């Protein structure tokens, strides 16, 4: 069994499981309780700065 076949066998079995677990962890992190406010605040960043606002400092 050469290196290519060994790595391919690993990717087909354990690699797929590892990537599925990473994907699940990312999804759980994104939808964790309490993150809605943080994402809402980050989404409003482009609207907080108004270049035509003359009263700004």
C-alpha atoms as a PDB file:
ATOM      1  CA  UNK A   1       0.000   0.000   0.000  1.00  0.00           C
ATOM      2  CA  UNK A   2       1.600   3.260  -1.064  1.00  0.00           C
ATOM      3  CA  UNK A   3       1.279   6.661   0.592  1.00  0.00           C
ATOM      4  CA  UNK A   4      -1.502   7.852  -1.721  1.00  0.00           C
ATOM      5  CA  UNK A   5      -3.735   4.885  -0.937  1.00  0.00           C
ATOM      6  CA  UNK A   6      -3.050   5.205   2.777  1.00  0.00           C
ATOM      7  CA  UNK A   7      -3.958   8.895   2.829  1.00  0.00           C
ATOM      8  CA  UNK A   8      -7.013   8.283   0.658  1.00  0.00           C
ATOM      9  CA  UNK A   9      -8.234   5.551   3.002  1.00  0.00           C
ATOM     10  CA  UNK A  10      -7.728   7.886   5.988  1.00  0.00           C
ATOM     11  CA  UNK A  11      -9.599  10.725   4.251  1.00  0.00           C
ATOM     12  CA  UNK A  12     -12.476   8.424   3.331  1.00  0.00           C
ATOM     13  CA  UNK A  13     -12.945   7.230   6.894  1.00  0.00           C
ATOM     14  CA  UNK A  14     -11.538   9.351   9.719  1.00  0.00           C
ATOM     15  CA  UNK A  15     -11.047  12.508   7.669  1.00  0.00           C
ATOM     16  CA  UNK A  16     -14.738  12.638   6.821  1.00  0.00           C
ATOM     17  CA  UNK A  17     -15.655  12.164  10.473  1.00  0.00           C
ATOM     18  CA  UNK A  18     -13.220  14.880  11.574  1.00  0.00           C
ATOM     19  CA  UNK A  19     -14.564  17.401   9.040  1.00  0.00           C
ATOM     20  CA  UNK A  20     -18.150  16.581  10.003  1.00  0.00           C
ATOM     21  CA  UNK A  21     -17.318  17.226  13.671  1.00  0.00           C
ATOM     22  CA  UNK A  22     -15.611  20.518  12.807  1.00  0.00           C
ATOM     23  CA  UNK A  23     -18.646  21.591  10.772  1.00  0.00           C
ATOM     24  CA  UNK A  24     -20.990  20.676  13.615  1.00  0.00           C
ATOM     25  CA  UNK A  25     -18.859  22.610  16.109  1.00  0.00           C
ATOM     26  CA  UNK A  26     -18.920  25.710  13.885  1.00  0.00           C
ATOM     27  CA  UNK A  27     -22.695  25.527  13.485  1.00  0.00           C
ATOM     28  CA  UNK A  28     -23.190  25.102  17.227  1.00  0.00           C
ATOM     29  CA  UNK A  29     -20.848  28.039  17.904  1.00  0.00           C
ATOM     30  CA  UNK A  30     -22.732  30.292  15.474  1.00  0.00           C
ATOM     31  CA  UNK A  31     -26.152  29.450  16.932  1.00  0.00           C
ATOM     32  CA  UNK A  32     -25.161  29.349  20.600  1.00  0.00           C
ATOM     33  CA  UNK A  33     -27.475  31.069  23.085  1.00  0.00           C
ATOM     34  CA  UNK A  34     -26.652  34.717  23.604  1.00  0.00           C
ATOM     35  CA  UNK A  35     -24.879  35.242  20.292  1.00  0.00           C
ATOM     36  CA  UNK A  36     -27.817  36.948  18.620  1.00  0.00           C
ATOM     37  CA  UNK A  37     -27.044  40.320  20.224  1.00  0.00           C
ATOM     38  CA  UNK A  38     -23.371  40.166  19.260  1.00  0.00           C
ATOM     39  CA  UNK A  39     -24.209  39.350  15.635  1.00  0.00           C
ATOM     40  CA  UNK A  40     -26.810  42.125  15.541  1.00  0.00           C
ATOM     41  CA  UNK A  41     -24.254  44.632  16.838  1.00  0.00           C
ATOM     42  CA  UNK A  42     -21.716  43.493  14.247  1.00  0.00           C
ATOM     43  CA  UNK A  43     -24.287  43.747  11.463  1.00  0.00           C
ATOM     44  CA  UNK A  44     -24.979  47.397  12.382  1.00  0.00           C
ATOM     45  CA  UNK A  45     -21.322  48.486  12.134  1.00  0.00           C
ATOM     46  CA  UNK A  46     -21.609  49.860   8.553  1.00  0.00           C
ATOM     47  CA  UNK A  47     -24.508  52.078   9.592  1.00  0.00           C
ATOM     48  CA  UNK A  48     -22.842  53.616  12.650  1.00  0.00           C
ATOM     49  CA  UNK A  49     -20.509  55.839  10.639  1.00  0.00           C
ATOM     50  CA  UNK A  50     -22.040  58.549   8.484  1.00  0.00           C
ATOM     51  CA  UNK A  51     -19.426  60.378   6.392  1.00  0.00           C
ATOM     52  CA  UNK A  52     -21.777  63.339   5.863  1.00  0.00           C
ATOM     53  CA  UNK A  53     -22.442  63.885   9.541  1.00  0.00           C
ATOM     54  CA  UNK A  54     -21.117  67.401  10.247  1.00  0.00           C
ATOM     55  CA  UNK A  55     -21.742  67.229  14.021  1.00  0.00           C
ATOM     56  CA  UNK A  56     -19.291  64.413  14.506  1.00  0.00           C
ATOM     57  CA  UNK A  57     -16.202  65.596  16.407  1.00  0.00           C
END
